[in-house]
Amino acid sequence: MSTRDQRGPEQGDRNVDAASRALGLSTGWSVFSYLIAGMVAYGLIGWLIGRAVHISLLFPIGMIVGLAISVGYVIYRFGRAEQVSETQVSKTERGDDR
């Protein structure tokens, strides 16, 4: 028998849990980077325009606009979770998740 056959189902569950955690961590870093990148990009645009027209208030306005656009994009991209039907919820509440 190989060592893979001797591990049993517990090792497979650990691998699935680890993969799930890694996917969640990757998603979290993606969301964080989108938020920071939006603030930096639109803040830079606001700073450049504000510097050209001598209105320093455009820098923080650009950062806020960039953050708002980033939040909207994150909701659009990651907020579309799989739809859970009522039958799946009721089965889980009853404990019948086979």
PDB file of N, CA and C in Angstrom:
ATOM      1  N   MET A   1       0.840  -1.185   0.000  1.00  0.00           N
ATOM      2  CA  MET A   1       0.000   0.000   0.000  1.00  0.00           C
ATOM      3  C   MET A   1       0.875   1.234   0.000  1.00  0.00           C
ATOM      4  N   SER A   2       0.432   2.233  -0.699  1.00  0.00           N
ATOM      5  CA  SER A   2       1.188   3.480  -0.699  1.00  0.00           C
ATOM      6  C   SER A   2       0.779   4.333   0.503  1.00  0.00           C
ATOM      7  N   THR A   3       1.574   5.327   0.777  1.00  0.00           N
ATOM      8  CA  THR A   3       1.261   6.200   1.918  1.00  0.00           C
ATOM      9  C   THR A   3      -0.010   7.000   1.649  1.00  0.00           C
ATOM     10  N   ARG A   4      -0.327   7.217   0.399  1.00  0.00           N
ATOM     11  CA  ARG A   4      -1.552   7.942   0.068  1.00  0.00           C
ATOM     12  C   ARG A   4      -2.775   7.136   0.495  1.00  0.00           C
ATOM     13  N   ASP A   5      -2.753   5.821   0.313  1.00  0.00           N
ATOM     14  CA  ASP A   5      -3.881   4.979   0.697  1.00  0.00           C
ATOM     15  C   ASP A   5      -4.011   4.871   2.212  1.00  0.00           C
ATOM     16  N   GLN A   6      -2.912   4.996   2.944  1.00  0.00           N
ATOM     17  CA  GLN A   6      -2.941   4.833   4.390  1.00  0.00           C
ATOM     18  C   GLN A   6      -3.407   6.090   5.119  1.00  0.00           C
ATOM     19  N   ARG A   7      -3.453   7.210   4.451  1.00  0.00           N
ATOM     20  CA  ARG A   7      -3.809   8.467   5.116  1.00  0.00           C
ATOM     21  C   ARG A   7      -5.265   8.491   5.567  1.00  0.00           C
ATOM     22  N   GLY A   8      -6.137   7.999   4.754  1.00  0.00           N
ATOM     23  CA  GLY A   8      -7.541   7.976   5.120  1.00  0.00           C
ATOM     24  C   GLY A   8      -8.248   9.262   4.755  1.00  0.00           C
ATOM     25  N   PRO A   9      -9.521   9.349   5.111  1.00  0.00           N
ATOM     26  CA  PRO A   9     -10.319  10.511   4.721  1.00  0.00           C
ATOM     27  C   PRO A   9      -9.954  11.781   5.480  1.00  0.00           C
ATOM     28  N   GLU A  10      -9.336  11.660   6.647  1.00  0.00           N
ATOM     29  CA  GLU A  10      -9.015  12.839   7.444  1.00  0.00           C
ATOM     30  C   GLU A  10      -8.017  13.737   6.728  1.00  0.00           C
ATOM     31  N   GLN A  11      -7.040  13.159   6.066  1.00  0.00           N
ATOM     32  CA  GLN A  11      -6.042  13.950   5.345  1.00  0.00           C
ATOM     33  C   GLN A  11      -6.687  14.705   4.189  1.00  0.00           C
ATOM     34  N   GLY A  12      -7.616  14.067   3.516  1.00  0.00           N
ATOM     35  CA  GLY A  12      -8.319  14.729   2.418  1.00  0.00           C
ATOM     36  C   GLY A  12      -9.136  15.921   2.901  1.00  0.00           C
ATOM     37  N   ASP A  13      -9.759  15.773   4.082  1.00  0.00           N
ATOM     38  CA  ASP A  13     -10.529  16.880   4.656  1.00  0.00           C
ATOM     39  C   ASP A  13      -9.609  18.046   4.994  1.00  0.00           C
ATOM     40  N   ARG A  14      -8.426  17.738   5.503  1.00  0.00           N
ATOM     41  CA  ARG A  14      -7.472  18.801   5.834  1.00  0.00           C
ATOM     42  C   ARG A  14      -7.018  19.533   4.583  1.00  0.00           C
ATOM     43  N   ASN A  15      -6.809  18.785   3.505  1.00  0.00           N
ATOM     44  CA  ASN A  15      -6.396  19.415   2.249  1.00  0.00           C
ATOM     45  C   ASN A  15      -7.483  20.330   1.698  1.00  0.00           C
ATOM     46  N   VAL A  16      -8.737  19.905   1.807  1.00  0.00           N
ATOM     47  CA  VAL A  16      -9.848  20.730   1.341  1.00  0.00           C
ATOM     48  C   VAL A  16      -9.956  21.986   2.199  1.00  0.00           C
ATOM     49  N   ASP A  17      -9.827  21.834   3.520  1.00  0.00           N
ATOM     50  CA  ASP A  17      -9.891  22.992   4.410  1.00  0.00           C
ATOM     51  C   ASP A  17      -8.757  23.971   4.117  1.00  0.00           C
ATOM     52  N   ALA A  18      -7.563  23.463   3.889  1.00  0.00           N
ATOM     53  CA  ALA A  18      -6.421  24.324   3.589  1.00  0.00           C
ATOM     54  C   ALA A  18      -6.614  25.048   2.263  1.00  0.00           C
ATOM     55  N   ALA A  19      -7.143  24.355   1.279  1.00  0.00           N
ATOM     56  CA  ALA A  19      -7.390  24.989  -0.017  1.00  0.00           C
ATOM     57  C   ALA A  19      -8.464  26.064   0.107  1.00  0.00           C
ATOM     58  N   SER A  20      -9.472  25.809   0.929  1.00  0.00           N
ATOM     59  CA  SER A  20     -10.537  26.788   1.135  1.00  0.00           C
ATOM     60  C   SER A  20      -9.999  28.035   1.832  1.00  0.00           C
ATOM     61  N   ARG A  21      -9.150  27.840   2.836  1.00  0.00           N
ATOM     62  CA  ARG A  21      -8.539  28.986   3.523  1.00  0.00           C
ATOM     63  C   ARG A  21      -7.653  29.768   2.578  1.00  0.00           C
ATOM     64  N   ALA A  22      -6.899  29.086   1.742  1.00  0.00           N
ATOM     65  CA  ALA A  22      -6.013  29.762   0.792  1.00  0.00           C
ATOM     66  C   ALA A  22      -6.819  30.569  -0.220  1.00  0.00           C
ATOM     67  N   LEU A  23      -7.944  30.038  -0.667  1.00  0.00           N
ATOM     68  CA  LEU A  23      -8.793  30.762  -1.600  1.00  0.00           C
ATOM     69  C   LEU A  23      -9.374  32.008  -0.940  1.00  0.00           C
ATOM     70  N   GLY A  24      -9.803  31.889   0.305  1.00  0.00           N
ATOM     71  CA  GLY A  24     -10.337  33.041   1.034  1.00  0.00           C
ATOM     72  C   GLY A  24      -9.285  34.101   1.264  1.00  0.00           C
ATOM     73  N   LEU A  25      -8.071  33.679   1.572  1.00  0.00           N
ATOM     74  CA  LEU A  25      -6.981  34.624   1.777  1.00  0.00           C
ATOM     75  C   LEU A  25      -6.638  35.339   0.484  1.00  0.00           C
ATOM     76  N   SER A  26      -6.632  34.610  -0.613  1.00  0.00           N
ATOM     77  CA  SER A  26      -6.359  35.203  -1.918  1.00  0.00           C
ATOM     78  C   SER A  26      -7.430  36.229  -2.283  1.00  0.00           C
ATOM     79  N   THR A  27      -8.675  35.916  -2.014  1.00  0.00           N
ATOM     80  CA  THR A  27      -9.763  36.843  -2.295  1.00  0.00           C
ATOM     81  C   THR A  27      -9.640  38.099  -1.436  1.00  0.00           C
ATOM     82  N   GLY A  28      -9.283  37.930  -0.186  1.00  0.00           N
ATOM     83  CA  GLY A  28      -9.110  39.073   0.705  1.00  0.00           C
ATOM     84  C   GLY A  28      -8.022  40.017   0.231  1.00  0.00           C
ATOM     85  N   TRP A  29      -6.897  39.457  -0.187  1.00  0.00           N
ATOM     86  CA  TRP A  29      -5.812  40.300  -0.687  1.00  0.00           C
ATOM     87  C   TRP A  29      -6.203  40.979  -1.991  1.00  0.00           C
ATOM     88  N   SER A  30      -6.985  40.306  -2.820  1.00  0.00           N
ATOM     89  CA  SER A  30      -7.449  40.922  -4.068  1.00  0.00           C
ATOM     90  C   SER A  30      -8.349  42.118  -3.779  1.00  0.00           C
ATOM     91  N   VAL A  31      -9.272  41.958  -2.849  1.00  0.00           N
ATOM     92  CA  VAL A  31     -10.166  43.052  -2.479  1.00  0.00           C
ATOM     93  C   VAL A  31      -9.359  44.221  -1.920  1.00  0.00           C
ATOM     94  N   PHE A  32      -8.428  43.937  -1.030  1.00  0.00           N
ATOM     95  CA  PHE A  32      -7.594  44.975  -0.435  1.00  0.00           C
ATOM     96  C   PHE A  32      -6.799  45.720  -1.508  1.00  0.00           C
ATOM     97  N   SER A  33      -6.234  44.991  -2.455  1.00  0.00           N
ATOM     98  CA  SER A  33      -5.423  45.638  -3.486  1.00  0.00           C
ATOM     99  C   SER A  33      -6.280  46.486  -4.421  1.00  0.00           C
ATOM    100  N   TYR A  34      -7.510  46.049  -4.725  1.00  0.00           N
ATOM    101  CA  TYR A  34      -8.400  46.868  -5.550  1.00  0.00           C
ATOM    102  C   TYR A  34      -8.731  48.181  -4.838  1.00  0.00           C
ATOM    103  N   LEU A  35      -8.995  48.121  -3.544  1.00  0.00           N
ATOM    104  CA  LEU A  35      -9.330  49.335  -2.799  1.00  0.00           C
ATOM    105  C   LEU A  35      -8.157  50.310  -2.763  1.00  0.00           C
ATOM    106  N   ILE A  36      -6.966  49.809  -2.481  1.00  0.00           N
ATOM    107  CA  ILE A  36      -5.782  50.671  -2.422  1.00  0.00           C
ATOM    108  C   ILE A  36      -5.460  51.228  -3.806  1.00  0.00           C
ATOM    109  N   ALA A  37      -5.522  50.392  -4.827  1.00  0.00           N
ATOM    110  CA  ALA A  37      -5.194  50.841  -6.188  1.00  0.00           C
ATOM    111  C   ALA A  37      -6.164  51.918  -6.664  1.00  0.00           C
ATOM    112  N   GLY A  38      -7.445  51.779  -6.342  1.00  0.00           N
ATOM    113  CA  GLY A  38      -8.420  52.798  -6.727  1.00  0.00           C
ATOM    114  C   GLY A  38      -8.132  54.128  -6.061  1.00  0.00           C
ATOM    115  N   MET A  39      -7.814  54.093  -4.776  1.00  0.00           N
ATOM    116  CA  MET A  39      -7.489  55.330  -4.070  1.00  0.00           C
ATOM    117  C   MET A  39      -6.229  55.975  -4.634  1.00  0.00           C
ATOM    118  N   VAL A  40      -5.221  55.174  -4.902  1.00  0.00           N
ATOM    119  CA  VAL A  40      -3.954  55.711  -5.418  1.00  0.00           C
ATOM    120  C   VAL A  40      -4.146  56.284  -6.820  1.00  0.00           C
ATOM    121  N   ALA A  41      -4.811  55.547  -7.690  1.00  0.00           N
ATOM    122  CA  ALA A  41      -4.968  55.985  -9.081  1.00  0.00           C
ATOM    123  C   ALA A  41      -5.781  57.280  -9.170  1.00  0.00           C
ATOM    124  N   TYR A  42      -6.952  57.294  -8.543  1.00  0.00           N
ATOM    125  CA  TYR A  42      -7.785  58.487  -8.626  1.00  0.00           C
ATOM    126  C   TYR A  42      -7.239  59.621  -7.768  1.00  0.00           C
ATOM    127  N   GLY A  43      -6.533  59.297  -6.686  1.00  0.00           N
ATOM    128  CA  GLY A  43      -5.860  60.335  -5.923  1.00  0.00           C
ATOM    129  C   GLY A  43      -4.777  61.005  -6.745  1.00  0.00           C
ATOM    130  N   LEU A  44      -4.032  60.203  -7.507  1.00  0.00           N
ATOM    131  CA  LEU A  44      -2.993  60.756  -8.377  1.00  0.00           C
ATOM    132  C   LEU A  44      -3.610  61.634  -9.471  1.00  0.00           C
ATOM    133  N   ILE A  45      -4.700  61.174 -10.065  1.00  0.00           N
ATOM    134  CA  ILE A  45      -5.380  61.979 -11.084  1.00  0.00           C
ATOM    135  C   ILE A  45      -5.875  63.290 -10.473  1.00  0.00           C
ATOM    136  N   GLY A  46      -6.488  63.204  -9.285  1.00  0.00           N
ATOM    137  CA  GLY A  46      -6.956  64.414  -8.613  1.00  0.00           C
ATOM    138  C   GLY A  46      -5.818  65.347  -8.254  1.00  0.00           C
ATOM    139  N   TRP A  47      -4.703  64.779  -7.821  1.00  0.00           N
ATOM    140  CA  TRP A  47      -3.541  65.606  -7.476  1.00  0.00           C
ATOM    141  C   TRP A  47      -2.993  66.314  -8.719  1.00  0.00           C
ATOM    142  N   LEU A  48      -2.897  65.588  -9.828  1.00  0.00           N
ATOM    143  CA  LEU A  48      -2.387  66.198 -11.059  1.00  0.00           C
ATOM    144  C   LEU A  48      -3.302  67.311 -11.561  1.00  0.00           C
ATOM    145  N   ILE A  49      -4.597  67.053 -11.580  1.00  0.00           N
ATOM    146  CA  ILE A  49      -5.535  68.082 -12.032  1.00  0.00           C
ATOM    147  C   ILE A  49      -5.548  69.249 -11.057  1.00  0.00           C
ATOM    148  N   GLY A  50      -5.546  68.929  -9.751  1.00  0.00           N
ATOM    149  CA  GLY A  50      -5.528  69.987  -8.743  1.00  0.00           C
ATOM    150  C   GLY A  50      -4.281  70.837  -8.815  1.00  0.00           C
ATOM    151  N   ARG A  51      -3.166  70.223  -9.130  1.00  0.00           N
ATOM    152  CA  ARG A  51      -1.915  70.971  -9.272  1.00  0.00           C
ATOM    153  C   ARG A  51      -1.954  71.867 -10.508  1.00  0.00           C
ATOM    154  N   ALA A  52      -2.595  71.401 -11.568  1.00  0.00           N
ATOM    155  CA  ALA A  52      -2.679  72.182 -12.801  1.00  0.00           C
ATOM    156  C   ALA A  52      -3.608  73.385 -12.649  1.00  0.00           C
ATOM    157  N   VAL A  53      -4.705  73.213 -11.911  1.00  0.00           N
ATOM    158  CA  VAL A  53      -5.681  74.304 -11.769  1.00  0.00           C
ATOM    159  C   VAL A  53      -5.582  75.001 -10.414  1.00  0.00           C
ATOM    160  N   HIS A  54      -4.603  74.633  -9.608  1.00  0.00           N
ATOM    161  CA  HIS A  54      -4.335  75.245  -8.292  1.00  0.00           C
ATOM    162  C   HIS A  54      -5.508  75.096  -7.317  1.00  0.00           C
ATOM    163  N   ILE A  55      -6.088  73.905  -7.314  1.00  0.00           N
ATOM    164  CA  ILE A  55      -7.145  73.581  -6.348  1.00  0.00           C
ATOM    165  C   ILE A  55      -6.706  72.310  -5.622  1.00  0.00           C
ATOM    166  N   SER A  56      -6.175  72.473  -4.421  1.00  0.00           N
ATOM    167  CA  SER A  56      -5.614  71.330  -3.705  1.00  0.00           C
ATOM    168  C   SER A  56      -6.682  70.375  -3.181  1.00  0.00           C
ATOM    169  N   LEU A  57      -7.918  70.801  -3.150  1.00  0.00           N
ATOM    170  CA  LEU A  57      -8.997  69.957  -2.653  1.00  0.00           C
ATOM    171  C   LEU A  57      -9.298  68.778  -3.590  1.00  0.00           C
ATOM    172  N   LEU A  58      -8.843  68.826  -4.826  1.00  0.00           N
ATOM    173  CA  LEU A  58      -9.123  67.749  -5.772  1.00  0.00           C
ATOM    174  C   LEU A  58      -8.395  66.456  -5.417  1.00  0.00           C
ATOM    175  N   PHE A  59      -7.287  66.550  -4.690  1.00  0.00           N
ATOM    176  CA  PHE A  59      -6.561  65.332  -4.287  1.00  0.00           C
ATOM    177  C   PHE A  59      -7.400  64.454  -3.352  1.00  0.00           C
ATOM    178  N   PRO A  60      -7.901  64.980  -2.216  1.00  0.00           N
ATOM    179  CA  PRO A  60      -8.726  64.101  -1.362  1.00  0.00           C
ATOM    180  C   PRO A  60     -10.049  63.713  -2.019  1.00  0.00           C
ATOM    181  N   ILE A  61     -10.594  64.603  -2.857  1.00  0.00           N
ATOM    182  CA  ILE A  61     -11.829  64.243  -3.568  1.00  0.00           C
ATOM    183  C   ILE A  61     -11.556  63.087  -4.526  1.00  0.00           C
ATOM    184  N   GLY A  62     -10.417  63.136  -5.211  1.00  0.00           N
ATOM    185  CA  GLY A  62     -10.044  62.036  -6.105  1.00  0.00           C
ATOM    186  C   GLY A  62      -9.865  60.733  -5.362  1.00  0.00           C
ATOM    187  N   MET A  63      -9.271  60.796  -4.163  1.00  0.00           N
ATOM    188  CA  MET A  63      -9.105  59.569  -3.372  1.00  0.00           C
ATOM    189  C   MET A  63     -10.450  58.988  -2.954  1.00  0.00           C
ATOM    190  N   ILE A  64     -11.367  59.846  -2.544  1.00  0.00           N
ATOM    191  CA  ILE A  64     -12.693  59.371  -2.127  1.00  0.00           C
ATOM    192  C   ILE A  64     -13.459  58.800  -3.318  1.00  0.00           C
ATOM    193  N   VAL A  65     -13.367  59.461  -4.455  1.00  0.00           N
ATOM    194  CA  VAL A  65     -14.032  58.948  -5.663  1.00  0.00           C
ATOM    195  C   VAL A  65     -13.423  57.600  -6.061  1.00  0.00           C
ATOM    196  N   GLY A  66     -12.105  57.500  -5.999  1.00  0.00           N
ATOM    197  CA  GLY A  66     -11.438  56.239  -6.315  1.00  0.00           C
ATOM    198  C   GLY A  66     -11.845  55.118  -5.378  1.00  0.00           C
ATOM    199  N   LEU A  67     -11.980  55.440  -4.097  1.00  0.00           N
ATOM    200  CA  LEU A  67     -12.421  54.432  -3.132  1.00  0.00           C
ATOM    201  C   LEU A  67     -13.854  53.998  -3.420  1.00  0.00           C
ATOM    202  N   ALA A  68     -14.717  54.970  -3.752  1.00  0.00           N
ATOM    203  CA  ALA A  68     -16.109  54.630  -4.058  1.00  0.00           C
ATOM    204  C   ALA A  68     -16.204  53.748  -5.304  1.00  0.00           C
ATOM    205  N   ILE A  69     -15.439  54.082  -6.323  1.00  0.00           N
ATOM    206  CA  ILE A  69     -15.445  53.265  -7.538  1.00  0.00           C
ATOM    207  C   ILE A  69     -14.902  51.870  -7.242  1.00  0.00           C
ATOM    208  N   SER A  70     -13.871  51.793  -6.433  1.00  0.00           N
ATOM    209  CA  SER A  70     -13.285  50.497  -6.070  1.00  0.00           C
ATOM    210  C   SER A  70     -14.261  49.643  -5.277  1.00  0.00           C
ATOM    211  N   VAL A  71     -14.970  50.256  -4.346  1.00  0.00           N
ATOM    212  CA  VAL A  71     -15.965  49.511  -3.562  1.00  0.00           C
ATOM    213  C   VAL A  71     -17.053  48.982  -4.483  1.00  0.00           C
ATOM    214  N   GLY A  72     -17.495  49.810  -5.418  1.00  0.00           N
ATOM    215  CA  GLY A  72     -18.499  49.348  -6.378  1.00  0.00           C
ATOM    216  C   GLY A  72     -18.002  48.188  -7.212  1.00  0.00           C
ATOM    217  N   TYR A  73     -16.752  48.263  -7.648  1.00  0.00           N
ATOM    218  CA  TYR A  73     -16.194  47.177  -8.450  1.00  0.00           C
ATOM    219  C   TYR A  73     -16.038  45.909  -7.628  1.00  0.00           C
ATOM    220  N   VAL A  74     -15.602  46.046  -6.379  1.00  0.00           N
ATOM    221  CA  VAL A  74     -15.454  44.870  -5.512  1.00  0.00           C
ATOM    222  C   VAL A  74     -16.805  44.207  -5.284  1.00  0.00           C
ATOM    223  N   ILE A  75     -17.837  45.006  -5.057  1.00  0.00           N
ATOM    224  CA  ILE A  75     -19.175  44.439  -4.876  1.00  0.00           C
ATOM    225  C   ILE A  75     -19.628  43.745  -6.154  1.00  0.00           C
ATOM    226  N   TYR A  76     -19.354  44.366  -7.297  1.00  0.00           N
ATOM    227  CA  TYR A  76     -19.731  43.748  -8.572  1.00  0.00           C
ATOM    228  C   TYR A  76     -18.972  42.446  -8.805  1.00  0.00           C
ATOM    229  N   ARG A  77     -17.676  42.458  -8.510  1.00  0.00           N
ATOM    230  CA  ARG A  77     -16.842  41.297  -8.821  1.00  0.00           C
ATOM    231  C   ARG A  77     -16.965  40.177  -7.802  1.00  0.00           C
ATOM    232  N   PHE A  78     -16.935  40.507  -6.512  1.00  0.00           N
ATOM    233  CA  PHE A  78     -16.903  39.480  -5.471  1.00  0.00           C
ATOM    234  C   PHE A  78     -18.213  39.348  -4.712  1.00  0.00           C
ATOM    235  N   GLY A  79     -19.134  40.253  -4.889  1.00  0.00           N
ATOM    236  CA  GLY A  79     -20.382  40.219  -4.134  1.00  0.00           C
ATOM    237  C   GLY A  79     -21.429  39.310  -4.725  1.00  0.00           C
ATOM    238  N   ARG A  80     -21.143  38.757  -5.880  1.00  0.00           N
ATOM    239  CA  ARG A  80     -22.113  37.870  -6.525  1.00  0.00           C
ATOM    240  C   ARG A  80     -21.886  36.444  -6.050  1.00  0.00           C
ATOM    241  N   ALA A  81     -22.193  36.189  -4.805  1.00  0.00           N
ATOM    242  CA  ALA A  81     -22.029  34.847  -4.253  1.00  0.00           C
ATOM    243  C   ALA A  81     -23.042  33.914  -4.894  1.00  0.00           C
ATOM    244  N   GLU A  82     -22.763  32.649  -4.796  1.00  0.00           N
ATOM    245  CA  GLU A  82     -23.686  31.669  -5.354  1.00  0.00           C
ATOM    246  C   GLU A  82     -25.027  31.788  -4.652  1.00  0.00           C
ATOM    247  N   GLN A  83     -26.068  31.727  -5.434  1.00  0.00           N
ATOM    248  CA  GLN A  83     -27.405  31.853  -4.880  1.00  0.00           C
ATOM    249  C   GLN A  83     -27.755  30.580  -4.115  1.00  0.00           C
ATOM    250  N   VAL A  84     -28.256  30.759  -2.915  1.00  0.00           N
ATOM    251  CA  VAL A  84     -28.667  29.632  -2.089  1.00  0.00           C
ATOM    252  C   VAL A  84     -30.184  29.574  -2.133  1.00  0.00           C
ATOM    253  N   SER A  85     -30.686  28.465  -2.627  1.00  0.00           N
ATOM    254  CA  SER A  85     -32.139  28.344  -2.723  1.00  0.00           C
ATOM    255  C   SER A  85     -32.731  28.059  -1.346  1.00  0.00           C
ATOM    256  N   GLU A  86     -34.031  28.300  -1.214  1.00  0.00           N
ATOM    257  CA  GLU A  86     -34.692  28.081   0.067  1.00  0.00           C
ATOM    258  C   GLU A  86     -34.693  26.609   0.444  1.00  0.00           C
ATOM    259  N   THR A  87     -34.721  25.720  -0.542  1.00  0.00           N
ATOM    260  CA  THR A  87     -34.721  24.298  -0.215  1.00  0.00           C
ATOM    261  C   THR A  87     -33.385  23.892   0.388  1.00  0.00           C
ATOM    262  N   GLN A  88     -32.290  24.480  -0.094  1.00  0.00           N
ATOM    263  CA  GLN A  88     -30.986  24.158   0.491  1.00  0.00           C
ATOM    264  C   GLN A  88     -30.903  24.675   1.919  1.00  0.00           C
ATOM    265  N   VAL A  89     -31.456  25.861   2.170  1.00  0.00           N
ATOM    266  CA  VAL A  89     -31.422  26.427   3.519  1.00  0.00           C
ATOM    267  C   VAL A  89     -32.259  25.588   4.449  1.00  0.00           C
ATOM    268  N   SER A  90     -33.439  25.181   4.019  1.00  0.00           N
ATOM    269  CA  SER A  90     -34.318  24.408   4.895  1.00  0.00           C
ATOM    270  C   SER A  90     -33.720  23.034   5.190  1.00  0.00           C
ATOM    271  N   LYS A  91     -33.041  22.417   4.223  1.00  0.00           N
ATOM    272  CA  LYS A  91     -32.403  21.130   4.480  1.00  0.00           C
ATOM    273  C   LYS A  91     -31.268  21.286   5.484  1.00  0.00           C
ATOM    274  N   THR A  92     -30.528  22.364   5.389  1.00  0.00           N
ATOM    275  CA  THR A  92     -29.416  22.576   6.317  1.00  0.00           C
ATOM    276  C   THR A  92     -29.937  22.854   7.713  1.00  0.00           C
ATOM    277  N   GLU A  93     -31.011  23.606   7.829  1.00  0.00           N
ATOM    278  CA  GLU A  93     -31.581  23.902   9.131  1.00  0.00           C
ATOM    279  C   GLU A  93     -32.107  22.638   9.808  1.00  0.00           C
ATOM    280  N   ARG A  94     -32.630  21.705   9.020  1.00  0.00           N
ATOM    281  CA  ARG A  94     -33.131  20.450   9.585  1.00  0.00           C
ATOM    282  C   ARG A  94     -32.014  19.476   9.901  1.00  0.00           C
ATOM    283  N   GLY A  95     -30.848  19.737   9.348  1.00  0.00           N
ATOM    284  CA  GLY A  95     -29.745  18.815   9.567  1.00  0.00           C
ATOM    285  C   GLY A  95     -29.658  17.747   8.492  1.00  0.00           C
ATOM    286  N   ASP A  96     -30.449  17.863   7.454  1.00  0.00           N
ATOM    287  CA  ASP A  96     -30.465  16.875   6.376  1.00  0.00           C
ATOM    288  C   ASP A  96     -29.598  17.383   5.230  1.00  0.00           C
ATOM    289  N   ASP A  97     -28.290  17.345   5.433  1.00  0.00           N
ATOM    290  CA  ASP A  97     -27.363  17.892   4.442  1.00  0.00           C
ATOM    291  C   ASP A  97     -26.638  16.802   3.659  1.00  0.00           C
ATOM    292  N   ARG A  98     -27.294  15.680   3.466  1.00  0.00           N
ATOM    293  CA  ARG A  98     -26.693  14.593   2.705  1.00  0.00           C
ATOM    294  C   ARG A  98     -26.739  14.830   1.270  1.00  0.00           C
TER     295      ARG A  98
END
